[in-house]
């Protein structure tokens, strides 16, 4: 397979949308979020934390204090986009994120 064909296949491959969690294993605090490309979002979050540029200051401060080994990055759930009229991926992701927040029952003090 030539490079052009591989690139085309990569672009056409759907990315998994879903809900993720970043958790500090030392404090129990966590951040839950949703993204249309969950793996790319986790990579972005890691990169921002490593470079000290994460927009969530509390999360960044804990990362700086506790180190990378204190954190886990996990995909909690994925969502397969449907090819049906009226399907709203963003709305479905928001709903899935809310369901996970309820399921995890994180008190406000344990959230980033």
PDB file of N, CA and C in Angstrom:
ATOM      1  N   UNK A   1       0.857  -1.174   0.000  1.00  0.00           N
ATOM      2  CA  UNK A   1       0.000   0.000   0.000  1.00  0.00           C
ATOM      3  C   UNK A   1       0.907   1.241   0.000  1.00  0.00           C
ATOM      4  N   UNK A   2       0.602   2.167  -0.862  1.00  0.00           N
ATOM      5  CA  UNK A   2       1.433   3.367  -0.926  1.00  0.00           C
ATOM      6  C   UNK A   2       1.039   4.371   0.151  1.00  0.00           C
ATOM      7  N   UNK A   3       1.894   5.333   0.328  1.00  0.00           N
ATOM      8  CA  UNK A   3       1.724   6.330   1.397  1.00  0.00           C
ATOM      9  C   UNK A   3       0.419   7.120   1.243  1.00  0.00           C
ATOM     10  N   UNK A   4       0.081   7.478   0.031  1.00  0.00           N
ATOM     11  CA  UNK A   4      -1.130   8.248  -0.234  1.00  0.00           C
ATOM     12  C   UNK A   4      -2.377   7.457   0.174  1.00  0.00           C
ATOM     13  N   UNK A   5      -2.396   6.175  -0.149  1.00  0.00           N
ATOM     14  CA  UNK A   5      -3.528   5.319   0.207  1.00  0.00           C
ATOM     15  C   UNK A   5      -3.624   5.143   1.721  1.00  0.00           C
ATOM     16  N   UNK A   6      -2.501   4.983   2.389  1.00  0.00           N
ATOM     17  CA  UNK A   6      -2.501   4.844   3.847  1.00  0.00           C
ATOM     18  C   UNK A   6      -3.033   6.111   4.509  1.00  0.00           C
ATOM     19  N   UNK A   7      -2.639   7.255   3.989  1.00  0.00           N
ATOM     20  CA  UNK A   7      -3.093   8.535   4.517  1.00  0.00           C
ATOM     21  C   UNK A   7      -4.606   8.689   4.325  1.00  0.00           C
ATOM     22  N   UNK A   8      -5.107   8.286   3.162  1.00  0.00           N
ATOM     23  CA  UNK A   8      -6.537   8.367   2.875  1.00  0.00           C
ATOM     24  C   UNK A   8      -7.317   7.467   3.832  1.00  0.00           C
ATOM     25  N   UNK A   9      -6.826   6.254   4.045  1.00  0.00           N
ATOM     26  CA  UNK A   9      -7.500   5.327   4.956  1.00  0.00           C
ATOM     27  C   UNK A   9      -7.510   5.870   6.380  1.00  0.00           C
ATOM     28  N   UNK A  10      -6.407   6.459   6.794  1.00  0.00           N
ATOM     29  CA  UNK A  10      -6.331   7.026   8.139  1.00  0.00           C
ATOM     30  C   UNK A  10      -7.381   8.124   8.318  1.00  0.00           C
ATOM     31  N   UNK A  11      -7.488   9.008   7.325  1.00  0.00           N
ATOM     32  CA  UNK A  11      -8.446  10.109   7.409  1.00  0.00           C
ATOM     33  C   UNK A  11      -9.887   9.623   7.405  1.00  0.00           C
ATOM     34  N   UNK A  12     -10.148   8.509   6.739  1.00  0.00           N
ATOM     35  CA  UNK A  12     -11.508   7.987   6.644  1.00  0.00           C
ATOM     36  C   UNK A  12     -11.897   7.114   7.837  1.00  0.00           C
ATOM     37  N   UNK A  13     -10.925   6.699   8.626  1.00  0.00           N
ATOM     38  CA  UNK A  13     -11.218   5.860   9.782  1.00  0.00           C
ATOM     39  C   UNK A  13     -11.848   6.713  10.871  1.00  0.00           C
ATOM     40  N   UNK A  14     -13.048   6.348  11.305  1.00  0.00           N
ATOM     41  CA  UNK A  14     -13.691   7.154  12.351  1.00  0.00           C
ATOM     42  C   UNK A  14     -12.930   7.050  13.673  1.00  0.00           C
ATOM     43  N   UNK A  15     -12.817   8.158  14.361  1.00  0.00           N
ATOM     44  CA  UNK A  15     -12.152   8.210  15.662  1.00  0.00           C
ATOM     45  C   UNK A  15     -13.191   7.939  16.747  1.00  0.00           C
ATOM     46  N   UNK A  16     -12.792   7.220  17.784  1.00  0.00           N
ATOM     47  CA  UNK A  16     -13.759   6.922  18.836  1.00  0.00           C
ATOM     48  C   UNK A  16     -14.071   8.146  19.694  1.00  0.00           C
ATOM     49  N   UNK A  17     -15.338   8.495  19.738  1.00  0.00           N
ATOM     50  CA  UNK A  17     -15.806   9.554  20.625  1.00  0.00           C
ATOM     51  C   UNK A  17     -16.069   8.907  21.974  1.00  0.00           C
ATOM     52  N   UNK A  18     -15.937   9.677  23.047  1.00  0.00           N
ATOM     53  CA  UNK A  18     -16.223   9.081  24.337  1.00  0.00           C
ATOM     54  C   UNK A  18     -15.955   9.973  25.519  1.00  0.00           C
ATOM     55  N   UNK A  19     -16.015   9.336  26.684  1.00  0.00           N
ATOM     56  CA  UNK A  19     -15.829  10.000  27.963  1.00  0.00           C
ATOM     57  C   UNK A  19     -14.536   9.485  28.578  1.00  0.00           C
ATOM     58  N   UNK A  20     -13.762  10.403  29.151  1.00  0.00           N
ATOM     59  CA  UNK A  20     -12.478  10.043  29.744  1.00  0.00           C
ATOM     60  C   UNK A  20     -12.384  10.585  31.166  1.00  0.00           C
ATOM     61  N   UNK A  21     -11.404  10.035  31.898  1.00  0.00           N
ATOM     62  CA  UNK A  21     -11.146  10.520  33.257  1.00  0.00           C
ATOM     63  C   UNK A  21      -9.645  10.635  33.460  1.00  0.00           C
ATOM     64  N   UNK A  22      -9.249  11.738  34.073  1.00  0.00           N
ATOM     65  CA  UNK A  22      -7.877  11.936  34.541  1.00  0.00           C
ATOM     66  C   UNK A  22      -7.967  11.911  36.056  1.00  0.00           C
ATOM     67  N   UNK A  23      -7.268  10.979  36.691  1.00  0.00           N
ATOM     68  CA  UNK A  23      -7.419  10.816  38.135  1.00  0.00           C
ATOM     69  C   UNK A  23      -6.071  10.863  38.830  1.00  0.00           C
ATOM     70  N   UNK A  24      -6.033  11.615  39.926  1.00  0.00           N
ATOM     71  CA  UNK A  24      -4.861  11.663  40.792  1.00  0.00           C
ATOM     72  C   UNK A  24      -5.032  10.527  41.797  1.00  0.00           C
ATOM     73  N   UNK A  25      -4.176   9.514  41.715  1.00  0.00           N
ATOM     74  CA  UNK A  25      -4.313   8.342  42.572  1.00  0.00           C
ATOM     75  C   UNK A  25      -3.927   8.632  44.016  1.00  0.00           C
ATOM     76  N   UNK A  26      -3.218   9.706  44.252  1.00  0.00           N
ATOM     77  CA  UNK A  26      -2.825  10.061  45.624  1.00  0.00           C
ATOM     78  C   UNK A  26      -3.936  10.800  46.372  1.00  0.00           C
ATOM     79  N   UNK A  27      -4.625  11.691  45.661  1.00  0.00           N
ATOM     80  CA  UNK A  27      -5.658  12.500  46.322  1.00  0.00           C
ATOM     81  C   UNK A  27      -7.073  12.016  46.043  1.00  0.00           C
ATOM     82  N   UNK A  28      -7.250  11.238  44.970  1.00  0.00           N
ATOM     83  CA  UNK A  28      -8.580  10.794  44.580  1.00  0.00           C
ATOM     84  C   UNK A  28      -9.330  11.806  43.735  1.00  0.00           C
ATOM     85  N   UNK A  29      -8.765  12.990  43.532  1.00  0.00           N
ATOM     86  CA  UNK A  29      -9.417  14.001  42.705  1.00  0.00           C
ATOM     87  C   UNK A  29      -9.377  13.561  41.240  1.00  0.00           C
ATOM     88  N   UNK A  30     -10.410  13.982  40.511  1.00  0.00           N
ATOM     89  CA  UNK A  30     -10.500  13.557  39.117  1.00  0.00           C
ATOM     90  C   UNK A  30     -11.142  14.627  38.254  1.00  0.00           C
ATOM     91  N   UNK A  31     -10.832  14.542  36.978  1.00  0.00           N
ATOM     92  CA  UNK A  31     -11.451  15.377  35.962  1.00  0.00           C
ATOM     93  C   UNK A  31     -12.099  14.435  34.961  1.00  0.00           C
ATOM     94  N   UNK A  32     -13.363  14.661  34.660  1.00  0.00           N
ATOM     95  CA  UNK A  32     -14.092  13.850  33.691  1.00  0.00           C
ATOM     96  C   UNK A  32     -14.470  14.756  32.541  1.00  0.00           C
ATOM     97  N   UNK A  33     -14.292  14.271  31.322  1.00  0.00           N
ATOM     98  CA  UNK A  33     -14.637  15.063  30.151  1.00  0.00           C
ATOM     99  C   UNK A  33     -15.071  14.179  29.005  1.00  0.00           C
ATOM    100  N   UNK A  34     -15.531  14.800  27.943  1.00  0.00           N
ATOM    101  CA  UNK A  34     -15.977  14.088  26.751  1.00  0.00           C
ATOM    102  C   UNK A  34     -15.342  14.721  25.531  1.00  0.00           C
ATOM    103  N   UNK A  35     -15.133  13.908  24.508  1.00  0.00           N
ATOM    104  CA  UNK A  35     -14.515  14.412  23.289  1.00  0.00           C
ATOM    105  C   UNK A  35     -14.957  13.579  22.094  1.00  0.00           C
ATOM    106  N   UNK A  36     -14.996  14.215  20.931  1.00  0.00           N
ATOM    107  CA  UNK A  36     -15.325  13.492  19.705  1.00  0.00           C
ATOM    108  C   UNK A  36     -14.167  12.600  19.268  1.00  0.00           C
ATOM    109  N   UNK A  37     -12.973  12.830  19.808  1.00  0.00           N
ATOM    110  CA  UNK A  37     -11.811  11.975  19.570  1.00  0.00           C
ATOM    111  C   UNK A  37     -11.125  11.773  20.914  1.00  0.00           C
ATOM    112  N   UNK A  38     -11.584  10.794  21.651  1.00  0.00           N
ATOM    113  CA  UNK A  38     -11.185  10.629  23.047  1.00  0.00           C
ATOM    114  C   UNK A  38      -9.686  10.349  23.209  1.00  0.00           C
ATOM    115  N   UNK A  39      -9.094   9.552  22.339  1.00  0.00           N
ATOM    116  CA  UNK A  39      -7.660   9.268  22.469  1.00  0.00           C
ATOM    117  C   UNK A  39      -6.822  10.511  22.197  1.00  0.00           C
ATOM    118  N   UNK A  40      -7.206  11.275  21.195  1.00  0.00           N
ATOM    119  CA  UNK A  40      -6.485  12.515  20.897  1.00  0.00           C
ATOM    120  C   UNK A  40      -6.597  13.490  22.063  1.00  0.00           C
ATOM    121  N   UNK A  41      -7.771  13.541  22.698  1.00  0.00           N
ATOM    122  CA  UNK A  41      -7.954  14.442  23.834  1.00  0.00           C
ATOM    123  C   UNK A  41      -7.072  14.021  25.004  1.00  0.00           C
ATOM    124  N   UNK A  42      -6.979  12.728  25.279  1.00  0.00           N
ATOM    125  CA  UNK A  42      -6.108  12.273  26.368  1.00  0.00           C
ATOM    126  C   UNK A  42      -4.647  12.596  26.065  1.00  0.00           C
ATOM    127  N   UNK A  43      -4.237  12.424  24.820  1.00  0.00           N
ATOM    128  CA  UNK A  43      -2.865  12.784  24.434  1.00  0.00           C
ATOM    129  C   UNK A  43      -2.630  14.279  24.630  1.00  0.00           C
ATOM    130  N   UNK A  44      -3.615  15.076  24.270  1.00  0.00           N
ATOM    131  CA  UNK A  44      -3.509  16.536  24.426  1.00  0.00           C
ATOM    132  C   UNK A  44      -3.396  16.923  25.903  1.00  0.00           C
ATOM    133  N   UNK A  45      -4.236  16.296  26.736  1.00  0.00           N
ATOM    134  CA  UNK A  45      -4.208  16.580  28.172  1.00  0.00           C
ATOM    135  C   UNK A  45      -2.829  16.244  28.756  1.00  0.00           C
ATOM    136  N   UNK A  46      -2.294  15.076  28.394  1.00  0.00           N
ATOM    137  CA  UNK A  46      -0.962  14.677  28.870  1.00  0.00           C
ATOM    138  C   UNK A  46       0.101  15.687  28.440  1.00  0.00           C
ATOM    139  N   UNK A  47       0.046  16.073  27.177  1.00  0.00           N
ATOM    140  CA  UNK A  47       1.040  17.011  26.645  1.00  0.00           C
ATOM    141  C   UNK A  47       0.951  18.353  27.365  1.00  0.00           C
ATOM    142  N   UNK A  48      -0.247  18.844  27.589  1.00  0.00           N
ATOM    143  CA  UNK A  48      -0.408  20.118  28.285  1.00  0.00           C
ATOM    144  C   UNK A  48       0.138  20.033  29.715  1.00  0.00           C
ATOM    145  N   UNK A  49      -0.125  18.927  30.380  1.00  0.00           N
ATOM    146  CA  UNK A  49       0.375  18.769  31.750  1.00  0.00           C
ATOM    147  C   UNK A  49       1.901  18.671  31.768  1.00  0.00           C
ATOM    148  N   UNK A  50       2.473  17.908  30.846  1.00  0.00           N
ATOM    149  CA  UNK A  50       3.935  17.757  30.793  1.00  0.00           C
ATOM    150  C   UNK A  50       4.634  19.084  30.535  1.00  0.00           C
ATOM    151  N   UNK A  51       4.005  19.933  29.729  1.00  0.00           N
ATOM    152  CA  UNK A  51       4.642  21.204  29.378  1.00  0.00           C
ATOM    153  C   UNK A  51       4.265  22.336  30.330  1.00  0.00           C
ATOM    154  N   UNK A  52       3.405  22.046  31.304  1.00  0.00           N
ATOM    155  CA  UNK A  52       2.997  23.068  32.256  1.00  0.00           C
ATOM    156  C   UNK A  52       1.992  24.049  31.708  1.00  0.00           C
ATOM    157  N   UNK A  53       1.274  23.667  30.648  1.00  0.00           N
ATOM    158  CA  UNK A  53       0.363  24.584  29.978  1.00  0.00           C
ATOM    159  C   UNK A  53      -1.102  24.172  30.085  1.00  0.00           C
ATOM    160  N   UNK A  54      -1.435  23.330  31.046  1.00  0.00           N
ATOM    161  CA  UNK A  54      -2.831  22.888  31.153  1.00  0.00           C
ATOM    162  C   UNK A  54      -3.704  24.041  31.635  1.00  0.00           C
ATOM    163  N   UNK A  55      -4.878  24.236  31.020  1.00  0.00           N
ATOM    164  CA  UNK A  55      -5.740  25.356  31.410  1.00  0.00           C
ATOM    165  C   UNK A  55      -6.371  25.207  32.801  1.00  0.00           C
ATOM    166  N   UNK A  56      -6.459  23.983  33.316  1.00  0.00           N
ATOM    167  CA  UNK A  56      -7.002  23.768  34.655  1.00  0.00           C
ATOM    168  C   UNK A  56      -5.857  23.911  35.661  1.00  0.00           C
ATOM    169  N   UNK A  57      -5.803  25.060  36.318  1.00  0.00           N
ATOM    170  CA  UNK A  57      -4.675  25.377  37.205  1.00  0.00           C
ATOM    171  C   UNK A  57      -4.533  24.404  38.376  1.00  0.00           C
ATOM    172  N   UNK A  58      -5.658  23.988  38.959  1.00  0.00           N
ATOM    173  CA  UNK A  58      -5.593  23.062  40.098  1.00  0.00           C
ATOM    174  C   UNK A  58      -5.014  21.717  39.670  1.00  0.00           C
ATOM    175  N   UNK A  59      -5.433  21.238  38.526  1.00  0.00           N
ATOM    176  CA  UNK A  59      -4.905  19.986  37.990  1.00  0.00           C
ATOM    177  C   UNK A  59      -3.410  20.123  37.698  1.00  0.00           C
ATOM    178  N   UNK A  60      -3.030  21.224  37.077  1.00  0.00           N
ATOM    179  CA  UNK A  60      -1.621  21.456  36.762  1.00  0.00           C
ATOM    180  C   UNK A  60      -0.776  21.541  38.026  1.00  0.00           C
ATOM    181  N   UNK A  61      -1.286  22.206  39.060  1.00  0.00           N
ATOM    182  CA  UNK A  61      -0.534  22.319  40.318  1.00  0.00           C
ATOM    183  C   UNK A  61      -0.330  20.949  40.961  1.00  0.00           C
ATOM    184  N   UNK A  62      -1.373  20.117  40.956  1.00  0.00           N
ATOM    185  CA  UNK A  62      -1.231  18.781  41.517  1.00  0.00           C
ATOM    186  C   UNK A  62      -0.275  17.931  40.691  1.00  0.00           C
ATOM    187  N   UNK A  63      -0.321  18.072  39.375  1.00  0.00           N
ATOM    188  CA  UNK A  63       0.612  17.358  38.499  1.00  0.00           C
ATOM    189  C   UNK A  63       2.047  17.767  38.841  1.00  0.00           C
ATOM    190  N   UNK A  64       2.266  19.056  39.002  1.00  0.00           N
ATOM    191  CA  UNK A  64       3.608  19.549  39.329  1.00  0.00           C
ATOM    192  C   UNK A  64       4.064  19.041  40.699  1.00  0.00           C
ATOM    193  N   UNK A  65       3.158  18.999  41.657  1.00  0.00           N
ATOM    194  CA  UNK A  65       3.497  18.594  43.029  1.00  0.00           C
ATOM    195  C   UNK A  65       3.650  17.082  43.162  1.00  0.00           C
ATOM    196  N   UNK A  66       2.737  16.306  42.553  1.00  0.00           N
ATOM    197  CA  UNK A  66       2.715  14.856  42.759  1.00  0.00           C
ATOM    198  C   UNK A  66       3.452  14.066  41.684  1.00  0.00           C
ATOM    199  N   UNK A  67       3.654  14.666  40.522  1.00  0.00           N
ATOM    200  CA  UNK A  67       4.362  13.985  39.438  1.00  0.00           C
ATOM    201  C   UNK A  67       3.446  13.147  38.568  1.00  0.00           C
ATOM    202  N   UNK A  68       3.942  12.796  37.408  1.00  0.00           N
ATOM    203  CA  UNK A  68       3.177  12.053  36.407  1.00  0.00           C
ATOM    204  C   UNK A  68       2.737  10.684  36.910  1.00  0.00           C
ATOM    205  N   UNK A  69       3.543  10.054  37.751  1.00  0.00           N
ATOM    206  CA  UNK A  69       3.222   8.707  38.231  1.00  0.00           C
ATOM    207  C   UNK A  69       1.974   8.674  39.109  1.00  0.00           C
ATOM    208  N   UNK A  70       1.544   9.803  39.608  1.00  0.00           N
ATOM    209  CA  UNK A  70       0.369   9.861  40.473  1.00  0.00           C
ATOM    210  C   UNK A  70      -0.931   9.932  39.672  1.00  0.00           C
ATOM    211  N   UNK A  71      -0.860  10.001  38.352  1.00  0.00           N
ATOM    212  CA  UNK A  71      -2.048  10.208  37.533  1.00  0.00           C
ATOM    213  C   UNK A  71      -2.332   9.036  36.600  1.00  0.00           C
ATOM    214  N   UNK A  72      -3.623   8.756  36.442  1.00  0.00           N
ATOM    215  CA  UNK A  72      -4.066   7.778  35.457  1.00  0.00           C
ATOM    216  C   UNK A  72      -4.949   8.485  34.442  1.00  0.00           C
ATOM    217  N   UNK A  73      -4.872   8.037  33.216  1.00  0.00           N
ATOM    218  CA  UNK A  73      -5.677   8.559  32.113  1.00  0.00           C
ATOM    219  C   UNK A  73      -6.449   7.375  31.553  1.00  0.00           C
ATOM    220  N   UNK A  74      -7.772   7.455  31.566  1.00  0.00           N
ATOM    221  CA  UNK A  74      -8.541   6.302  31.105  1.00  0.00           C
ATOM    222  C   UNK A  74      -9.767   6.712  30.306  1.00  0.00           C
ATOM    223  N   UNK A  75     -10.112   5.867  29.365  1.00  0.00           N
ATOM    224  CA  UNK A  75     -11.343   6.016  28.597  1.00  0.00           C
ATOM    225  C   UNK A  75     -12.414   5.265  29.377  1.00  0.00           C
ATOM    226  N   UNK A  76     -13.453   5.967  29.789  1.00  0.00           N
ATOM    227  CA  UNK A  76     -14.526   5.354  30.561  1.00  0.00           C
ATOM    228  C   UNK A  76     -15.579   4.706  29.677  1.00  0.00           C
ATOM    229  N   UNK A  77     -15.841   5.323  28.531  1.00  0.00           N
ATOM    230  CA  UNK A  77     -16.898   4.830  27.654  1.00  0.00           C
ATOM    231  C   UNK A  77     -16.689   5.411  26.267  1.00  0.00           C
ATOM    232  N   UNK A  78     -17.136   4.703  25.261  1.00  0.00           N
ATOM    233  CA  UNK A  78     -17.062   5.221  23.893  1.00  0.00           C
ATOM    234  C   UNK A  78     -18.463   5.252  23.291  1.00  0.00           C
ATOM    235  N   UNK A  79     -18.591   6.060  22.275  1.00  0.00           N
ATOM    236  CA  UNK A  79     -19.869   6.265  21.610  1.00  0.00           C
ATOM    237  C   UNK A  79     -19.641   6.143  20.111  1.00  0.00           C
ATOM    238  N   UNK A  80     -20.425   5.306  19.478  1.00  0.00           N
ATOM    239  CA  UNK A  80     -20.309   5.133  18.035  1.00  0.00           C
ATOM    240  C   UNK A  80     -21.310   6.050  17.347  1.00  0.00           C
ATOM    241  N   UNK A  81     -20.826   6.983  16.534  1.00  0.00           N
ATOM    242  CA  UNK A  81     -21.748   7.875  15.810  1.00  0.00           C
ATOM    243  C   UNK A  81     -22.664   7.062  14.896  1.00  0.00           C
ATOM    244  N   UNK A  82     -23.907   7.465  14.834  1.00  0.00           N
ATOM    245  CA  UNK A  82     -24.880   6.770  13.991  1.00  0.00           C
ATOM    246  C   UNK A  82     -25.188   7.626  12.769  1.00  0.00           C
ATOM    247  N   UNK A  83     -25.403   6.950  11.661  1.00  0.00           N
ATOM    248  CA  UNK A  83     -25.771   7.630  10.419  1.00  0.00           C
ATOM    249  C   UNK A  83     -27.281   7.704  10.305  1.00  0.00           C
ATOM    250  N   UNK A  84     -27.871   8.480  11.202  1.00  0.00           N
ATOM    251  CA  UNK A  84     -29.318   8.654  11.123  1.00  0.00           C
ATOM    252  C   UNK A  84     -29.630  10.142  11.219  1.00  0.00           C
ATOM    253  N   UNK A  85     -30.685  10.552  10.561  1.00  0.00           N
ATOM    254  CA  UNK A  85     -31.046  11.975  10.585  1.00  0.00           C
ATOM    255  C   UNK A  85     -31.306  12.447  12.013  1.00  0.00           C
ATOM    256  N   UNK A  86     -30.792  13.614  12.323  1.00  0.00           N
ATOM    257  CA  UNK A  86     -31.026  14.205  13.632  1.00  0.00           C
ATOM    258  C   UNK A  86     -30.094  13.733  14.728  1.00  0.00           C
ATOM    259  N   UNK A  87     -29.181  12.810  14.419  1.00  0.00           N
ATOM    260  CA  UNK A  87     -28.253  12.348  15.447  1.00  0.00           C
ATOM    261  C   UNK A  87     -27.274  13.479  15.771  1.00  0.00           C
ATOM    262  N   UNK A  88     -27.194  13.838  17.040  1.00  0.00           N
ATOM    263  CA  UNK A  88     -26.343  14.937  17.490  1.00  0.00           C
ATOM    264  C   UNK A  88     -25.245  14.361  18.389  1.00  0.00           C
ATOM    265  N   UNK A  89     -24.067  14.168  17.838  1.00  0.00           N
ATOM    266  CA  UNK A  89     -22.959  13.560  18.571  1.00  0.00           C
ATOM    267  C   UNK A  89     -22.601  14.357  19.814  1.00  0.00           C
ATOM    268  N   UNK A  90     -22.550  15.676  19.694  1.00  0.00           N
ATOM    269  CA  UNK A  90     -22.199  16.508  20.843  1.00  0.00           C
ATOM    270  C   UNK A  90     -23.207  16.356  21.980  1.00  0.00           C
ATOM    271  N   UNK A  91     -24.481  16.330  21.648  1.00  0.00           N
ATOM    272  CA  UNK A  91     -25.522  16.164  22.673  1.00  0.00           C
ATOM    273  C   UNK A  91     -25.420  14.793  23.325  1.00  0.00           C
ATOM    274  N   UNK A  92     -25.159  13.768  22.532  1.00  0.00           N
ATOM    275  CA  UNK A  92     -25.011  12.415  23.072  1.00  0.00           C
ATOM    276  C   UNK A  92     -23.796  12.326  23.998  1.00  0.00           C
ATOM    277  N   UNK A  93     -22.722  13.002  23.622  1.00  0.00           N
ATOM    278  CA  UNK A  93     -21.522  13.007  24.466  1.00  0.00           C
ATOM    279  C   UNK A  93     -21.774  13.726  25.786  1.00  0.00           C
ATOM    280  N   UNK A  94     -22.490  14.845  25.735  1.00  0.00           N
ATOM    281  CA  UNK A  94     -22.822  15.569  26.979  1.00  0.00           C
ATOM    282  C   UNK A  94     -23.653  14.685  27.910  1.00  0.00           C
ATOM    283  N   UNK A  95     -24.614  13.981  27.339  1.00  0.00           N
ATOM    284  CA  UNK A  95     -25.452  13.085  28.124  1.00  0.00           C
ATOM    285  C   UNK A  95     -24.624  11.945  28.726  1.00  0.00           C
ATOM    286  N   UNK A  96     -23.758  11.361  27.927  1.00  0.00           N
ATOM    287  CA  UNK A  96     -22.901  10.274  28.412  1.00  0.00           C
ATOM    288  C   UNK A  96     -21.968  10.757  29.523  1.00  0.00           C
ATOM    289  N   UNK A  97     -21.444  11.970  29.371  1.00  0.00           N
ATOM    290  CA  UNK A  97     -20.582  12.545  30.407  1.00  0.00           C
ATOM    291  C   UNK A  97     -21.373  12.740  31.712  1.00  0.00           C
ATOM    292  N   UNK A  98     -22.586  13.260  31.608  1.00  0.00           N
ATOM    293  CA  UNK A  98     -23.425  13.446  32.794  1.00  0.00           C
ATOM    294  C   UNK A  98     -23.724  12.110  33.476  1.00  0.00           C
ATOM    295  N   UNK A  99     -23.987  11.084  32.684  1.00  0.00           N
ATOM    296  CA  UNK A  99     -24.244   9.760  33.252  1.00  0.00           C
ATOM    297  C   UNK A  99     -23.027   9.244  34.028  1.00  0.00           C
ATOM    298  N   UNK A 100     -21.842   9.475  33.476  1.00  0.00           N
ATOM    299  CA  UNK A 100     -20.624   9.032  34.165  1.00  0.00           C
ATOM    300  C   UNK A 100     -20.373   9.837  35.429  1.00  0.00           C
ATOM    301  N   UNK A 101     -20.665  11.113  35.389  1.00  0.00           N
ATOM    302  CA  UNK A 101     -20.499  11.924  36.608  1.00  0.00           C
ATOM    303  C   UNK A 101     -21.430  11.433  37.709  1.00  0.00           C
ATOM    304  N   UNK A 102     -22.652  11.077  37.331  1.00  0.00           N
ATOM    305  CA  UNK A 102     -23.583  10.522  38.315  1.00  0.00           C
ATOM    306  C   UNK A 102     -23.099   9.169  38.823  1.00  0.00           C
ATOM    307  N   UNK A 103     -22.630   8.333  37.904  1.00  0.00           N
ATOM    308  CA  UNK A 103     -22.171   6.990  38.269  1.00  0.00           C
ATOM    309  C   UNK A 103     -20.962   7.047  39.206  1.00  0.00           C
ATOM    310  N   UNK A 104     -20.028   7.937  38.923  1.00  0.00           N
ATOM    311  CA  UNK A 104     -18.827   8.061  39.745  1.00  0.00           C
ATOM    312  C   UNK A 104     -19.125   8.757  41.065  1.00  0.00           C
ATOM    313  N   UNK A 105     -20.168   9.554  41.080  1.00  0.00           N
ATOM    314  CA  UNK A 105     -20.599  10.276  42.288  1.00  0.00           C
ATOM    315  C   UNK A 105     -19.436  11.001  42.957  1.00  0.00           C
ATOM    316  N   UNK A 106     -18.710  11.768  42.161  1.00  0.00           N
ATOM    317  CA  UNK A 106     -17.582  12.537  42.693  1.00  0.00           C
ATOM    318  C   UNK A 106     -18.106  13.756  43.432  1.00  0.00           C
ATOM    319  N   UNK A 107     -17.785  13.891  44.714  1.00  0.00           N
ATOM    320  CA  UNK A 107     -18.176  15.118  45.402  1.00  0.00           C
ATOM    321  C   UNK A 107     -17.448  16.303  44.774  1.00  0.00           C
ATOM    322  N   UNK A 108     -18.026  17.474  44.890  1.00  0.00           N
ATOM    323  CA  UNK A 108     -17.428  18.676  44.293  1.00  0.00           C
ATOM    324  C   UNK A 108     -15.969  18.865  44.711  1.00  0.00           C
ATOM    325  N   UNK A 109     -15.649  18.531  45.938  1.00  0.00           N
ATOM    326  CA  UNK A 109     -14.292  18.694  46.441  1.00  0.00           C
ATOM    327  C   UNK A 109     -13.304  17.729  45.795  1.00  0.00           C
ATOM    328  N   UNK A 110     -13.813  16.674  45.149  1.00  0.00           N
ATOM    329  CA  UNK A 110     -12.933  15.686  44.521  1.00  0.00           C
ATOM    330  C   UNK A 110     -12.843  15.872  43.019  1.00  0.00           C
ATOM    331  N   UNK A 111     -13.320  17.026  42.531  1.00  0.00           N
ATOM    332  CA  UNK A 111     -13.279  17.296  41.085  1.00  0.00           C
ATOM    333  C   UNK A 111     -12.267  18.397  40.786  1.00  0.00           C
ATOM    334  N   UNK A 112     -11.666  18.252  39.624  1.00  0.00           N
ATOM    335  CA  UNK A 112     -10.809  19.334  39.129  1.00  0.00           C
ATOM    336  C   UNK A 112     -11.651  20.244  38.289  1.00  0.00           C
TER     337      UNK A 112
END
